[in-house]
Amino acid sequence: MIENLNGELKKYLEGKPVVSALLSFDMIVLYVAAGLMLLNLITPLGGFVSGLLLYVLLLGVVLCLANNNFTALMIGLGVKAGIEIVYLLISIFGKYRAFSWSSLYAAVIFGFFAFLAYKKTFSK
């Protein structure tokens, strides 16, 4: 069922001039965004860059879905879930001892989608 959706998504994206050129770079877009998010965890790159990286990551997710590249989805979404878990632990054990609900929800959501991509990767 998801393959039908991915096929229609690929047909739609191939009609867009800029996005159709990016379809062949799906893994690269996703991995670069995830890697820069990891770098942002170590060295803060700023709020604007963090927000932009989230949109680039989501673009990479859409591109990987269109190409049925579930292995890259599993890795990219797993990295994002791991980053959110680190943010959650930093907020709990950090200076202010607060609980970050947004990090918890993001870790659960991205982790769930990474798990679904894992199941889809190894069910083939």
PDB file of N, CA and C in Angstrom:
ATOM      1  N   MET A   1       0.817  -1.194   0.000  1.00  0.00           N
ATOM      2  CA  MET A   1       0.000   0.000   0.000  1.00  0.00           C
ATOM      3  C   MET A   1       0.868   1.269   0.000  1.00  0.00           C
ATOM      4  N   ILE A   2       1.926   1.262   0.808  1.00  0.00           N
ATOM      5  CA  ILE A   2       2.781   2.449   0.859  1.00  0.00           C
ATOM      6  C   ILE A   2       3.525   2.636  -0.458  1.00  0.00           C
ATOM      7  N   GLU A   3       3.779   1.536  -1.171  1.00  0.00           N
ATOM      8  CA  GLU A   3       4.462   1.644  -2.461  1.00  0.00           C
ATOM      9  C   GLU A   3       3.607   2.408  -3.464  1.00  0.00           C
ATOM     10  N   ASN A   4       2.269   2.206  -3.404  1.00  0.00           N
ATOM     11  CA  ASN A   4       1.376   2.953  -4.300  1.00  0.00           C
ATOM     12  C   ASN A   4       1.444   4.445  -4.001  1.00  0.00           C
ATOM     13  N   LEU A   5       1.431   4.781  -2.720  1.00  0.00           N
ATOM     14  CA  LEU A   5       1.531   6.181  -2.322  1.00  0.00           C
ATOM     15  C   LEU A   5       2.871   6.768  -2.748  1.00  0.00           C
ATOM     16  N   ASN A   6       3.933   5.994  -2.561  1.00  0.00           N
ATOM     17  CA  ASN A   6       5.262   6.476  -2.938  1.00  0.00           C
ATOM     18  C   ASN A   6       5.387   6.660  -4.442  1.00  0.00           C
ATOM     19  N   GLY A   7       4.756   5.770  -5.211  1.00  0.00           N
ATOM     20  CA  GLY A   7       4.783   5.915  -6.661  1.00  0.00           C
ATOM     21  C   GLY A   7       4.074   7.174  -7.120  1.00  0.00           C
ATOM     22  N   GLU A   8       2.917   7.453  -6.524  1.00  0.00           N
ATOM     23  CA  GLU A   8       2.186   8.678  -6.871  1.00  0.00           C
ATOM     24  C   GLU A   8       2.945   9.923  -6.423  1.00  0.00           C
ATOM     25  N   LEU A   9       3.587   9.831  -5.263  1.00  0.00           N
ATOM     26  CA  LEU A   9       4.399  10.956  -4.786  1.00  0.00           C
ATOM     27  C   LEU A   9       5.566  11.216  -5.733  1.00  0.00           C
ATOM     28  N   LYS A  10       6.188  10.154  -6.224  1.00  0.00           N
ATOM     29  CA  LYS A  10       7.306  10.323  -7.159  1.00  0.00           C
ATOM     30  C   LYS A  10       6.830  10.944  -8.467  1.00  0.00           C
ATOM     31  N   LYS A  11       5.666  10.515  -8.963  1.00  0.00           N
ATOM     32  CA  LYS A  11       5.120  11.112 -10.189  1.00  0.00           C
ATOM     33  C   LYS A  11       4.854  12.599  -9.988  1.00  0.00           C
ATOM     34  N   TYR A  12       4.302  12.948  -8.827  1.00  0.00           N
ATOM     35  CA  TYR A  12       4.008  14.349  -8.535  1.00  0.00           C
ATOM     36  C   TYR A  12       5.289  15.174  -8.447  1.00  0.00           C
ATOM     37  N   LEU A  13       6.289  14.645  -7.748  1.00  0.00           N
ATOM     38  CA  LEU A  13       7.536  15.390  -7.558  1.00  0.00           C
ATOM     39  C   LEU A  13       8.346  15.496  -8.844  1.00  0.00           C
ATOM     40  N   GLU A  14       8.212  14.527  -9.737  1.00  0.00           N
ATOM     41  CA  GLU A  14       8.919  14.612 -11.015  1.00  0.00           C
ATOM     42  C   GLU A  14       8.380  15.739 -11.884  1.00  0.00           C
ATOM     43  N   GLY A  15       7.147  16.179 -11.615  1.00  0.00           N
ATOM     44  CA  GLY A  15       6.579  17.297 -12.361  1.00  0.00           C
ATOM     45  C   GLY A  15       7.074  18.650 -11.895  1.00  0.00           C
ATOM     46  N   LYS A  16       7.691  18.706 -10.738  1.00  0.00           N
ATOM     47  CA  LYS A  16       8.237  19.952 -10.198  1.00  0.00           C
ATOM     48  C   LYS A  16       9.690  20.089 -10.635  1.00  0.00           C
ATOM     49  N   PRO A  17      10.078  21.217 -11.230  1.00  0.00           N
ATOM     50  CA  PRO A  17      11.424  21.304 -11.824  1.00  0.00           C
ATOM     51  C   PRO A  17      12.568  21.226 -10.814  1.00  0.00           C
ATOM     52  N   VAL A  18      12.444  21.877  -9.677  1.00  0.00           N
ATOM     53  CA  VAL A  18      13.553  21.890  -8.717  1.00  0.00           C
ATOM     54  C   VAL A  18      13.621  20.572  -7.958  1.00  0.00           C
ATOM     55  N   VAL A  19      12.466  20.081  -7.547  1.00  0.00           N
ATOM     56  CA  VAL A  19      12.443  18.875  -6.724  1.00  0.00           C
ATOM     57  C   VAL A  19      12.808  17.642  -7.546  1.00  0.00           C
ATOM     58  N   SER A  20      12.457  17.641  -8.827  1.00  0.00           N
ATOM     59  CA  SER A  20      12.800  16.477  -9.653  1.00  0.00           C
ATOM     60  C   SER A  20      14.316  16.323  -9.790  1.00  0.00           C
ATOM     61  N   ALA A  21      15.039  17.420  -9.747  1.00  0.00           N
ATOM     62  CA  ALA A  21      16.504  17.338  -9.789  1.00  0.00           C
ATOM     63  C   ALA A  21      17.063  16.790  -8.477  1.00  0.00           C
ATOM     64  N   LEU A  22      16.343  16.993  -7.381  1.00  0.00           N
ATOM     65  CA  LEU A  22      16.809  16.522  -6.078  1.00  0.00           C
ATOM     66  C   LEU A  22      16.457  15.064  -5.806  1.00  0.00           C
ATOM     67  N   LEU A  23      15.595  14.461  -6.624  1.00  0.00           N
ATOM     68  CA  LEU A  23      15.158  13.090  -6.361  1.00  0.00           C
ATOM     69  C   LEU A  23      16.315  12.095  -6.345  1.00  0.00           C
ATOM     70  N   SER A  24      17.321  12.335  -7.138  1.00  0.00           N
ATOM     71  CA  SER A  24      18.448  11.401  -7.161  1.00  0.00           C
ATOM     72  C   SER A  24      19.407  11.617  -5.984  1.00  0.00           C
ATOM     73  N   PHE A  25      19.244  12.702  -5.262  1.00  0.00           N
ATOM     74  CA  PHE A  25      20.103  13.005  -4.115  1.00  0.00           C
ATOM     75  C   PHE A  25      19.370  12.813  -2.794  1.00  0.00           C
ATOM     76  N   ASP A  26      18.426  11.880  -2.727  1.00  0.00           N
ATOM     77  CA  ASP A  26      17.589  11.720  -1.546  1.00  0.00           C
ATOM     78  C   ASP A  26      18.389  11.356  -0.298  1.00  0.00           C
ATOM     79  N   MET A  27      19.268  10.360  -0.410  1.00  0.00           N
ATOM     80  CA  MET A  27      20.071   9.956   0.744  1.00  0.00           C
ATOM     81  C   MET A  27      21.030  11.056   1.165  1.00  0.00           C
ATOM     82  N   ILE A  28      21.601  11.733   0.206  1.00  0.00           N
ATOM     83  CA  ILE A  28      22.573  12.780   0.520  1.00  0.00           C
ATOM     84  C   ILE A  28      21.908  13.910   1.296  1.00  0.00           C
ATOM     85  N   VAL A  29      20.725  14.335   0.850  1.00  0.00           N
ATOM     86  CA  VAL A  29      20.002  15.415   1.537  1.00  0.00           C
ATOM     87  C   VAL A  29      19.665  14.995   2.959  1.00  0.00           C
ATOM     88  N   LEU A  30      19.174  13.766   3.119  1.00  0.00           N
ATOM     89  CA  LEU A  30      18.782  13.288   4.444  1.00  0.00           C
ATOM     90  C   LEU A  30      19.991  13.128   5.363  1.00  0.00           C
ATOM     91  N   TYR A  31      21.062  12.536   4.859  1.00  0.00           N
ATOM     92  CA  TYR A  31      22.237  12.307   5.698  1.00  0.00           C
ATOM     93  C   TYR A  31      22.960  13.600   6.055  1.00  0.00           C
ATOM     94  N   VAL A  32      23.028  14.537   5.125  1.00  0.00           N
ATOM     95  CA  VAL A  32      23.680  15.821   5.422  1.00  0.00           C
ATOM     96  C   VAL A  32      22.885  16.582   6.478  1.00  0.00           C
ATOM     97  N   ALA A  33      21.551  16.575   6.347  1.00  0.00           N
ATOM     98  CA  ALA A  33      20.725  17.258   7.347  1.00  0.00           C
ATOM     99  C   ALA A  33      20.876  16.603   8.713  1.00  0.00           C
ATOM    100  N   ALA A  34      20.869  15.271   8.767  1.00  0.00           N
ATOM    101  CA  ALA A  34      21.030  14.573  10.043  1.00  0.00           C
ATOM    102  C   ALA A  34      22.423  14.812  10.626  1.00  0.00           C
ATOM    103  N   GLY A  35      23.433  14.821   9.779  1.00  0.00           N
ATOM    104  CA  GLY A  35      24.793  15.082  10.255  1.00  0.00           C
ATOM    105  C   GLY A  35      24.963  16.490  10.793  1.00  0.00           C
ATOM    106  N   LEU A  36      24.377  17.458  10.101  1.00  0.00           N
ATOM    107  CA  LEU A  36      24.459  18.833  10.598  1.00  0.00           C
ATOM    108  C   LEU A  36      23.646  19.010  11.876  1.00  0.00           C
ATOM    109  N   MET A  37      22.572  18.230  12.036  1.00  0.00           N
ATOM    110  CA  MET A  37      21.838  18.273  13.303  1.00  0.00           C
ATOM    111  C   MET A  37      22.687  17.707  14.435  1.00  0.00           C
ATOM    112  N   LEU A  38      23.458  16.667  14.140  1.00  0.00           N
ATOM    113  CA  LEU A  38      24.393  16.152  15.149  1.00  0.00           C
ATOM    114  C   LEU A  38      25.455  17.188  15.495  1.00  0.00           C
ATOM    115  N   LEU A  39      25.962  17.875  14.485  1.00  0.00           N
ATOM    116  CA  LEU A  39      26.934  18.943  14.724  1.00  0.00           C
ATOM    117  C   LEU A  39      26.303  20.065  15.543  1.00  0.00           C
ATOM    118  N   ASN A  40      25.032  20.357  15.279  1.00  0.00           N
ATOM    119  CA  ASN A  40      24.313  21.386  16.024  1.00  0.00           C
ATOM    120  C   ASN A  40      24.132  20.984  17.483  1.00  0.00           C
ATOM    121  N   LEU A  41      24.094  19.690  17.746  1.00  0.00           N
ATOM    122  CA  LEU A  41      23.997  19.210  19.121  1.00  0.00           C
ATOM    123  C   LEU A  41      25.289  19.503  19.884  1.00  0.00           C
ATOM    124  N   ILE A  42      26.415  19.376  19.201  1.00  0.00           N
ATOM    125  CA  ILE A  42      27.719  19.591  19.837  1.00  0.00           C
ATOM    126  C   ILE A  42      28.076  21.075  19.877  1.00  0.00           C
ATOM    127  N   THR A  43      27.936  21.732  18.736  1.00  0.00           N
ATOM    128  CA  THR A  43      28.253  23.152  18.601  1.00  0.00           C
ATOM    129  C   THR A  43      27.019  23.866  18.080  1.00  0.00           C
ATOM    130  N   PRO A  44      26.353  24.684  18.893  1.00  0.00           N
ATOM    131  CA  PRO A  44      25.128  25.346  18.424  1.00  0.00           C
ATOM    132  C   PRO A  44      25.382  26.217  17.192  1.00  0.00           C
ATOM    133  N   LEU A  45      24.585  25.977  16.156  1.00  0.00           N
ATOM    134  CA  LEU A  45      24.725  26.715  14.905  1.00  0.00           C
ATOM    135  C   LEU A  45      23.759  27.886  14.807  1.00  0.00           C
ATOM    136  N   GLY A  46      22.862  28.017  15.756  1.00  0.00           N
ATOM    137  CA  GLY A  46      21.912  29.123  15.747  1.00  0.00           C
ATOM    138  C   GLY A  46      20.492  28.640  15.491  1.00  0.00           C
ATOM    139  N   GLY A  47      19.557  29.463  15.891  1.00  0.00           N
ATOM    140  CA  GLY A  47      18.152  29.104  15.761  1.00  0.00           C
ATOM    141  C   GLY A  47      17.677  29.017  14.329  1.00  0.00           C
ATOM    142  N   PHE A  48      18.135  29.941  13.492  1.00  0.00           N
ATOM    143  CA  PHE A  48      17.713  29.932  12.090  1.00  0.00           C
ATOM    144  C   PHE A  48      18.209  28.679  11.380  1.00  0.00           C
ATOM    145  N   VAL A  49      19.465  28.325  11.619  1.00  0.00           N
ATOM    146  CA  VAL A  49      20.043  27.140  10.982  1.00  0.00           C
ATOM    147  C   VAL A  49      19.355  25.878  11.497  1.00  0.00           C
ATOM    148  N   SER A  50      19.031  25.838  12.790  1.00  0.00           N
ATOM    149  CA  SER A  50      18.338  24.679  13.349  1.00  0.00           C
ATOM    150  C   SER A  50      16.971  24.490  12.711  1.00  0.00           C
ATOM    151  N   GLY A  51      16.244  25.580  12.563  1.00  0.00           N
ATOM    152  CA  GLY A  51      14.940  25.500  11.908  1.00  0.00           C
ATOM    153  C   GLY A  51      15.050  25.100  10.455  1.00  0.00           C
ATOM    154  N   LEU A  52      16.038  25.641   9.773  1.00  0.00           N
ATOM    155  CA  LEU A  52      16.256  25.300   8.367  1.00  0.00           C
ATOM    156  C   LEU A  52      16.645  23.830   8.213  1.00  0.00           C
ATOM    157  N   LEU A  53      17.441  23.324   9.136  1.00  0.00           N
ATOM    158  CA  LEU A  53      17.846  21.921   9.075  1.00  0.00           C
ATOM    159  C   LEU A  53      16.660  20.982   9.248  1.00  0.00           C
ATOM    160  N   LEU A  54      15.698  21.368  10.068  1.00  0.00           N
ATOM    161  CA  LEU A  54      14.511  20.532  10.227  1.00  0.00           C
ATOM    162  C   LEU A  54      13.743  20.437   8.916  1.00  0.00           C
ATOM    163  N   TYR A  55      13.608  21.560   8.219  1.00  0.00           N
ATOM    164  CA  TYR A  55      12.907  21.533   6.935  1.00  0.00           C
ATOM    165  C   TYR A  55      13.684  20.746   5.885  1.00  0.00           C
ATOM    166  N   VAL A  56      14.997  20.839   5.902  1.00  0.00           N
ATOM    167  CA  VAL A  56      15.811  20.065   4.956  1.00  0.00           C
ATOM    168  C   VAL A  56      15.701  18.573   5.271  1.00  0.00           C
ATOM    169  N   LEU A  57      15.668  18.225   6.564  1.00  0.00           N
ATOM    170  CA  LEU A  57      15.488  16.832   6.950  1.00  0.00           C
ATOM    171  C   LEU A  57      14.141  16.316   6.464  1.00  0.00           C
ATOM    172  N   LEU A  58      13.094  17.101   6.628  1.00  0.00           N
ATOM    173  CA  LEU A  58      11.772  16.677   6.166  1.00  0.00           C
ATOM    174  C   LEU A  58      11.727  16.560   4.645  1.00  0.00           C
ATOM    175  N   LEU A  59      12.445  17.434   3.940  1.00  0.00           N
ATOM    176  CA  LEU A  59      12.553  17.299   2.487  1.00  0.00           C
ATOM    177  C   LEU A  59      13.254  15.993   2.129  1.00  0.00           C
ATOM    178  N   GLY A  60      14.300  15.659   2.853  1.00  0.00           N
ATOM    179  CA  GLY A  60      14.993  14.392   2.630  1.00  0.00           C
ATOM    180  C   GLY A  60      14.105  13.193   2.902  1.00  0.00           C
ATOM    181  N   VAL A  61      13.246  13.294   3.916  1.00  0.00           N
ATOM    182  CA  VAL A  61      12.299  12.216   4.213  1.00  0.00           C
ATOM    183  C   VAL A  61      11.325  12.037   3.055  1.00  0.00           C
ATOM    184  N   VAL A  62      10.804  13.138   2.532  1.00  0.00           N
ATOM    185  CA  VAL A  62       9.866  13.061   1.405  1.00  0.00           C
ATOM    186  C   VAL A  62      10.554  12.487   0.171  1.00  0.00           C
ATOM    187  N   LEU A  63      11.787  12.908  -0.088  1.00  0.00           N
ATOM    188  CA  LEU A  63      12.522  12.388  -1.242  1.00  0.00           C
ATOM    189  C   LEU A  63      12.806  10.896  -1.093  1.00  0.00           C
ATOM    190  N   CYS A  64      13.169  10.464   0.105  1.00  0.00           N
ATOM    191  CA  CYS A  64      13.418   9.036   0.327  1.00  0.00           C
ATOM    192  C   CYS A  64      12.132   8.226   0.222  1.00  0.00           C
ATOM    193  N   LEU A  65      11.026   8.784   0.684  1.00  0.00           N
ATOM    194  CA  LEU A  65       9.746   8.098   0.521  1.00  0.00           C
ATOM    195  C   LEU A  65       9.395   7.946  -0.946  1.00  0.00           C
ATOM    196  N   ALA A  66       9.626   8.984  -1.730  1.00  0.00           N
ATOM    197  CA  ALA A  66       9.297   8.925  -3.153  1.00  0.00           C
ATOM    198  C   ALA A  66      10.140   7.878  -3.874  1.00  0.00           C
ATOM    199  N   ASN A  67      11.355   7.649  -3.413  1.00  0.00           N
ATOM    200  CA  ASN A  67      12.241   6.670  -4.051  1.00  0.00           C
ATOM    201  C   ASN A  67      12.208   5.303  -3.377  1.00  0.00           C
ATOM    202  N   ASN A  68      11.304   5.092  -2.426  1.00  0.00           N
ATOM    203  CA  ASN A  68      11.201   3.831  -1.675  1.00  0.00           C
ATOM    204  C   ASN A  68      12.525   3.454  -1.014  1.00  0.00           C
ATOM    205  N   ASN A  69      13.235   4.422  -0.511  1.00  0.00           N
ATOM    206  CA  ASN A  69      14.529   4.196   0.124  1.00  0.00           C
ATOM    207  C   ASN A  69      14.322   4.131   1.638  1.00  0.00           C
ATOM    208  N   PHE A  70      13.858   2.973   2.109  1.00  0.00           N
ATOM    209  CA  PHE A  70      13.510   2.839   3.519  1.00  0.00           C
ATOM    210  C   PHE A  70      14.735   2.678   4.411  1.00  0.00           C
ATOM    211  N   THR A  71      15.842   2.214   3.864  1.00  0.00           N
ATOM    212  CA  THR A  71      17.062   2.099   4.662  1.00  0.00           C
ATOM    213  C   THR A  71      17.569   3.481   5.072  1.00  0.00           C
ATOM    214  N   ALA A  72      17.581   4.407   4.133  1.00  0.00           N
ATOM    215  CA  ALA A  72      18.001   5.773   4.459  1.00  0.00           C
ATOM    216  C   ALA A  72      17.022   6.420   5.429  1.00  0.00           C
ATOM    217  N   LEU A  73      15.727   6.140   5.254  1.00  0.00           N
ATOM    218  CA  LEU A  73      14.730   6.673   6.190  1.00  0.00           C
ATOM    219  C   LEU A  73      14.973   6.151   7.595  1.00  0.00           C
ATOM    220  N   MET A  74      15.269   4.860   7.697  1.00  0.00           N
ATOM    221  CA  MET A  74      15.512   4.259   9.001  1.00  0.00           C
ATOM    222  C   MET A  74      16.695   4.942   9.688  1.00  0.00           C
ATOM    223  N   ILE A  75      17.764   5.169   8.959  1.00  0.00           N
ATOM    224  CA  ILE A  75      18.958   5.784   9.548  1.00  0.00           C
ATOM    225  C   ILE A  75      18.709   7.252   9.882  1.00  0.00           C
ATOM    226  N   GLY A  76      18.149   8.008   8.949  1.00  0.00           N
ATOM    227  CA  GLY A  76      17.919   9.437   9.165  1.00  0.00           C
ATOM    228  C   GLY A  76      16.947   9.719  10.293  1.00  0.00           C
ATOM    229  N   LEU A  77      15.833   8.993  10.311  1.00  0.00           N
ATOM    230  CA  LEU A  77      14.853   9.208  11.375  1.00  0.00           C
ATOM    231  C   LEU A  77      15.360   8.681  12.712  1.00  0.00           C
ATOM    232  N   GLY A  78      16.154   7.615  12.679  1.00  0.00           N
ATOM    233  CA  GLY A  78      16.755   7.112  13.917  1.00  0.00           C
ATOM    234  C   GLY A  78      17.743   8.097  14.518  1.00  0.00           C
ATOM    235  N   VAL A  79      18.527   8.745  13.662  1.00  0.00           N
ATOM    236  CA  VAL A  79      19.461   9.772  14.144  1.00  0.00           C
ATOM    237  C   VAL A  79      18.691  10.932  14.768  1.00  0.00           C
ATOM    238  N   LYS A  80      17.620  11.351  14.116  1.00  0.00           N
ATOM    239  CA  LYS A  80      16.814  12.458  14.656  1.00  0.00           C
ATOM    240  C   LYS A  80      16.178  12.065  15.989  1.00  0.00           C
ATOM    241  N   ALA A  81      15.684  10.823  16.102  1.00  0.00           N
ATOM    242  CA  ALA A  81      15.123  10.365  17.374  1.00  0.00           C
ATOM    243  C   ALA A  81      16.197  10.336  18.460  1.00  0.00           C
ATOM    244  N   GLY A  82      17.399   9.896  18.110  1.00  0.00           N
ATOM    245  CA  GLY A  82      18.497   9.889  19.073  1.00  0.00           C
ATOM    246  C   GLY A  82      18.884  11.283  19.533  1.00  0.00           C
ATOM    247  N   ILE A  83      18.880  12.228  18.602  1.00  0.00           N
ATOM    248  CA  ILE A  83      19.179  13.619  18.955  1.00  0.00           C
ATOM    249  C   ILE A  83      18.140  14.153  19.931  1.00  0.00           C
ATOM    250  N   GLU A  84      16.880  13.833  19.689  1.00  0.00           N
ATOM    251  CA  GLU A  84      15.825  14.302  20.595  1.00  0.00           C
ATOM    252  C   GLU A  84      15.934  13.649  21.968  1.00  0.00           C
ATOM    253  N   ILE A  85      16.371  12.397  22.027  1.00  0.00           N
ATOM    254  CA  ILE A  85      16.583  11.748  23.324  1.00  0.00           C
ATOM    255  C   ILE A  85      17.721  12.438  24.077  1.00  0.00           C
ATOM    256  N   VAL A  86      18.768  12.812  23.366  1.00  0.00           N
ATOM    257  CA  VAL A  86      19.873  13.538  24.009  1.00  0.00           C
ATOM    258  C   VAL A  86      19.382  14.879  24.542  1.00  0.00           C
ATOM    259  N   TYR A  87      18.579  15.603  23.745  1.00  0.00           N
ATOM    260  CA  TYR A  87      18.016  16.867  24.227  1.00  0.00           C
ATOM    261  C   TYR A  87      17.140  16.653  25.463  1.00  0.00           C
ATOM    262  N   LEU A  88      16.387  15.559  25.480  1.00  0.00           N
ATOM    263  CA  LEU A  88      15.548  15.253  26.636  1.00  0.00           C
ATOM    264  C   LEU A  88      16.412  15.002  27.868  1.00  0.00           C
ATOM    265  N   LEU A  89      17.472  14.234  27.714  1.00  0.00           N
ATOM    266  CA  LEU A  89      18.356  13.959  28.847  1.00  0.00           C
ATOM    267  C   LEU A  89      19.086  15.210  29.315  1.00  0.00           C
ATOM    268  N   ILE A  90      19.471  16.062  28.372  1.00  0.00           N
ATOM    269  CA  ILE A  90      20.117  17.323  28.751  1.00  0.00           C
ATOM    270  C   ILE A  90      19.157  18.194  29.548  1.00  0.00           C
ATOM    271  N   SER A  91      17.887  18.219  29.146  1.00  0.00           N
ATOM    272  CA  SER A  91      16.925  19.057  29.868  1.00  0.00           C
ATOM    273  C   SER A  91      16.623  18.490  31.252  1.00  0.00           C
ATOM    274  N   ILE A  92      16.629  17.171  31.392  1.00  0.00           N
ATOM    275  CA  ILE A  92      16.335  16.573  32.698  1.00  0.00           C
ATOM    276  C   ILE A  92      17.513  16.729  33.658  1.00  0.00           C
ATOM    277  N   PHE A  93      18.719  16.424  33.185  1.00  0.00           N
ATOM    278  CA  PHE A  93      19.882  16.417  34.064  1.00  0.00           C
ATOM    279  C   PHE A  93      20.743  17.665  33.937  1.00  0.00           C
ATOM    280  N   GLY A  94      20.279  18.641  33.191  1.00  0.00           N
ATOM    281  CA  GLY A  94      21.049  19.860  32.972  1.00  0.00           C
ATOM    282  C   GLY A  94      20.948  20.832  34.125  1.00  0.00           C
ATOM    283  N   LYS A  95      21.258  22.063  33.827  1.00  0.00           N
ATOM    284  CA  LYS A  95      21.334  23.110  34.840  1.00  0.00           C
ATOM    285  C   LYS A  95      19.972  23.406  35.470  1.00  0.00           C
ATOM    286  N   TYR A  96      18.913  23.412  34.663  1.00  0.00           N
ATOM    287  CA  TYR A  96      17.610  23.852  35.166  1.00  0.00           C
ATOM    288  C   TYR A  96      16.704  22.712  35.608  1.00  0.00           C
ATOM    289  N   ARG A  97      17.058  21.473  35.348  1.00  0.00           N
ATOM    290  CA  ARG A  97      16.297  20.295  35.773  1.00  0.00           C
ATOM    291  C   ARG A  97      14.833  20.375  35.364  1.00  0.00           C
ATOM    292  N   ALA A  98      14.606  20.588  34.085  1.00  0.00           N
ATOM    293  CA  ALA A  98      13.248  20.680  33.549  1.00  0.00           C
ATOM    294  C   ALA A  98      12.976  19.454  32.688  1.00  0.00           C
ATOM    295  N   PHE A  99      11.696  19.186  32.461  1.00  0.00           N
ATOM    296  CA  PHE A  99      11.307  18.076  31.594  1.00  0.00           C
ATOM    297  C   PHE A  99      10.796  18.649  30.287  1.00  0.00           C
ATOM    298  N   SER A 100      11.410  18.251  29.198  1.00  0.00           N
ATOM    299  CA  SER A 100      11.056  18.774  27.880  1.00  0.00           C
ATOM    300  C   SER A 100      10.063  17.831  27.204  1.00  0.00           C
ATOM    301  N   TRP A 101       8.797  18.223  27.248  1.00  0.00           N
ATOM    302  CA  TRP A 101       7.770  17.398  26.612  1.00  0.00           C
ATOM    303  C   TRP A 101       7.933  17.369  25.102  1.00  0.00           C
ATOM    304  N   SER A 102       8.369  18.476  24.516  1.00  0.00           N
ATOM    305  CA  SER A 102       8.517  18.505  23.056  1.00  0.00           C
ATOM    306  C   SER A 102       9.601  17.530  22.594  1.00  0.00           C
ATOM    307  N   SER A 103      10.683  17.422  23.348  1.00  0.00           N
ATOM    308  CA  SER A 103      11.726  16.457  22.991  1.00  0.00           C
ATOM    309  C   SER A 103      11.232  15.026  23.152  1.00  0.00           C
ATOM    310  N   LEU A 104      10.438  14.786  24.182  1.00  0.00           N
ATOM    311  CA  LEU A 104       9.878  13.450  24.376  1.00  0.00           C
ATOM    312  C   LEU A 104       8.955  13.075  23.227  1.00  0.00           C
ATOM    313  N   TYR A 105       8.043  13.977  22.874  1.00  0.00           N
ATOM    314  CA  TYR A 105       7.110  13.697  21.775  1.00  0.00           C
ATOM    315  C   TYR A 105       7.852  13.520  20.454  1.00  0.00           C
ATOM    316  N   ALA A 106       8.842  14.363  20.197  1.00  0.00           N
ATOM    317  CA  ALA A 106       9.605  14.245  18.952  1.00  0.00           C
ATOM    318  C   ALA A 106      10.374  12.926  18.914  1.00  0.00           C
ATOM    319  N   ALA A 107      10.954  12.521  20.040  1.00  0.00           N
ATOM    320  CA  ALA A 107      11.688  11.252  20.082  1.00  0.00           C
ATOM    321  C   ALA A 107      10.753  10.077  19.835  1.00  0.00           C
ATOM    322  N   VAL A 108       9.564  10.125  20.413  1.00  0.00           N
ATOM    323  CA  VAL A 108       8.600   9.039  20.209  1.00  0.00           C
ATOM    324  C   VAL A 108       8.138   8.993  18.758  1.00  0.00           C
ATOM    325  N   ILE A 109       7.812  10.140  18.192  1.00  0.00           N
ATOM    326  CA  ILE A 109       7.294  10.176  16.817  1.00  0.00           C
ATOM    327  C   ILE A 109       8.369   9.770  15.815  1.00  0.00           C
ATOM    328  N   PHE A 110       9.554  10.387  15.895  1.00  0.00           N
ATOM    329  CA  PHE A 110      10.617  10.038  14.954  1.00  0.00           C
ATOM    330  C   PHE A 110      11.094   8.603  15.170  1.00  0.00           C
ATOM    331  N   GLY A 111      11.124   8.154  16.416  1.00  0.00           N
ATOM    332  CA  GLY A 111      11.500   6.770  16.695  1.00  0.00           C
ATOM    333  C   GLY A 111      10.490   5.779  16.148  1.00  0.00           C
ATOM    334  N   PHE A 112       9.207   6.110  16.247  1.00  0.00           N
ATOM    335  CA  PHE A 112       8.162   5.239  15.702  1.00  0.00           C
ATOM    336  C   PHE A 112       8.284   5.122  14.190  1.00  0.00           C
ATOM    337  N   PHE A 113       8.497   6.252  13.522  1.00  0.00           N
ATOM    338  CA  PHE A 113       8.639   6.202  12.067  1.00  0.00           C
ATOM    339  C   PHE A 113       9.935   5.501  11.654  1.00  0.00           C
ATOM    340  N   ALA A 114      10.991   5.642  12.444  1.00  0.00           N
ATOM    341  CA  ALA A 114      12.227   4.910  12.157  1.00  0.00           C
ATOM    342  C   ALA A 114      12.003   3.410  12.322  1.00  0.00           C
ATOM    343  N   PHE A 115      11.223   3.026  13.325  1.00  0.00           N
ATOM    344  CA  PHE A 115      10.904   1.612  13.525  1.00  0.00           C
ATOM    345  C   PHE A 115      10.072   1.065  12.368  1.00  0.00           C
ATOM    346  N   LEU A 116       9.112   1.850  11.891  1.00  0.00           N
ATOM    347  CA  LEU A 116       8.321   1.410  10.739  1.00  0.00           C
ATOM    348  C   LEU A 116       9.195   1.258   9.495  1.00  0.00           C
ATOM    349  N   ALA A 117      10.144   2.168   9.304  1.00  0.00           N
ATOM    350  CA  ALA A 117      11.067   2.045   8.171  1.00  0.00           C
ATOM    351  C   ALA A 117      11.964   0.822   8.346  1.00  0.00           C
ATOM    352  N   TYR A 118      12.339   0.528   9.583  1.00  0.00           N
ATOM    353  CA  TYR A 118      13.129  -0.675   9.872  1.00  0.00           C
ATOM    354  C   TYR A 118      12.353  -1.925   9.501  1.00  0.00           C
ATOM    355  N   LYS A 119      11.089  -1.978   9.916  1.00  0.00           N
ATOM    356  CA  LYS A 119      10.260  -3.132   9.576  1.00  0.00           C
ATOM    357  C   LYS A 119      10.086  -3.268   8.072  1.00  0.00           C
ATOM    358  N   LYS A 120       9.893  -2.152   7.389  1.00  0.00           N
ATOM    359  CA  LYS A 120       9.698  -2.184   5.940  1.00  0.00           C
ATOM    360  C   LYS A 120      10.987  -2.581   5.227  1.00  0.00           C
ATOM    361  N   THR A 121      12.130  -2.173   5.759  1.00  0.00           N
ATOM    362  CA  THR A 121      13.410  -2.522   5.141  1.00  0.00           C
ATOM    363  C   THR A 121      13.646  -4.027   5.182  1.00  0.00           C
ATOM    364  N   PHE A 122      13.380  -4.645   6.318  1.00  0.00           N
ATOM    365  CA  PHE A 122      13.699  -6.058   6.475  1.00  0.00           C
ATOM    366  C   PHE A 122      12.534  -6.985   6.160  1.00  0.00           C
ATOM    367  N   SER A 123      11.407  -6.444   5.734  1.00  0.00           N
ATOM    368  CA  SER A 123      10.293  -7.298   5.313  1.00  0.00           C
ATOM    369  C   SER A 123      10.364  -7.621   3.826  1.00  0.00           C
ATOM    370  N   LYS A 124      11.281  -6.967   3.110  1.00  0.00           N
ATOM    371  CA  LYS A 124      11.387  -7.205   1.660  1.00  0.00           C
ATOM    372  C   LYS A 124      12.045  -8.525   1.362  1.00  0.00           C
TER     373      LYS A 124
END
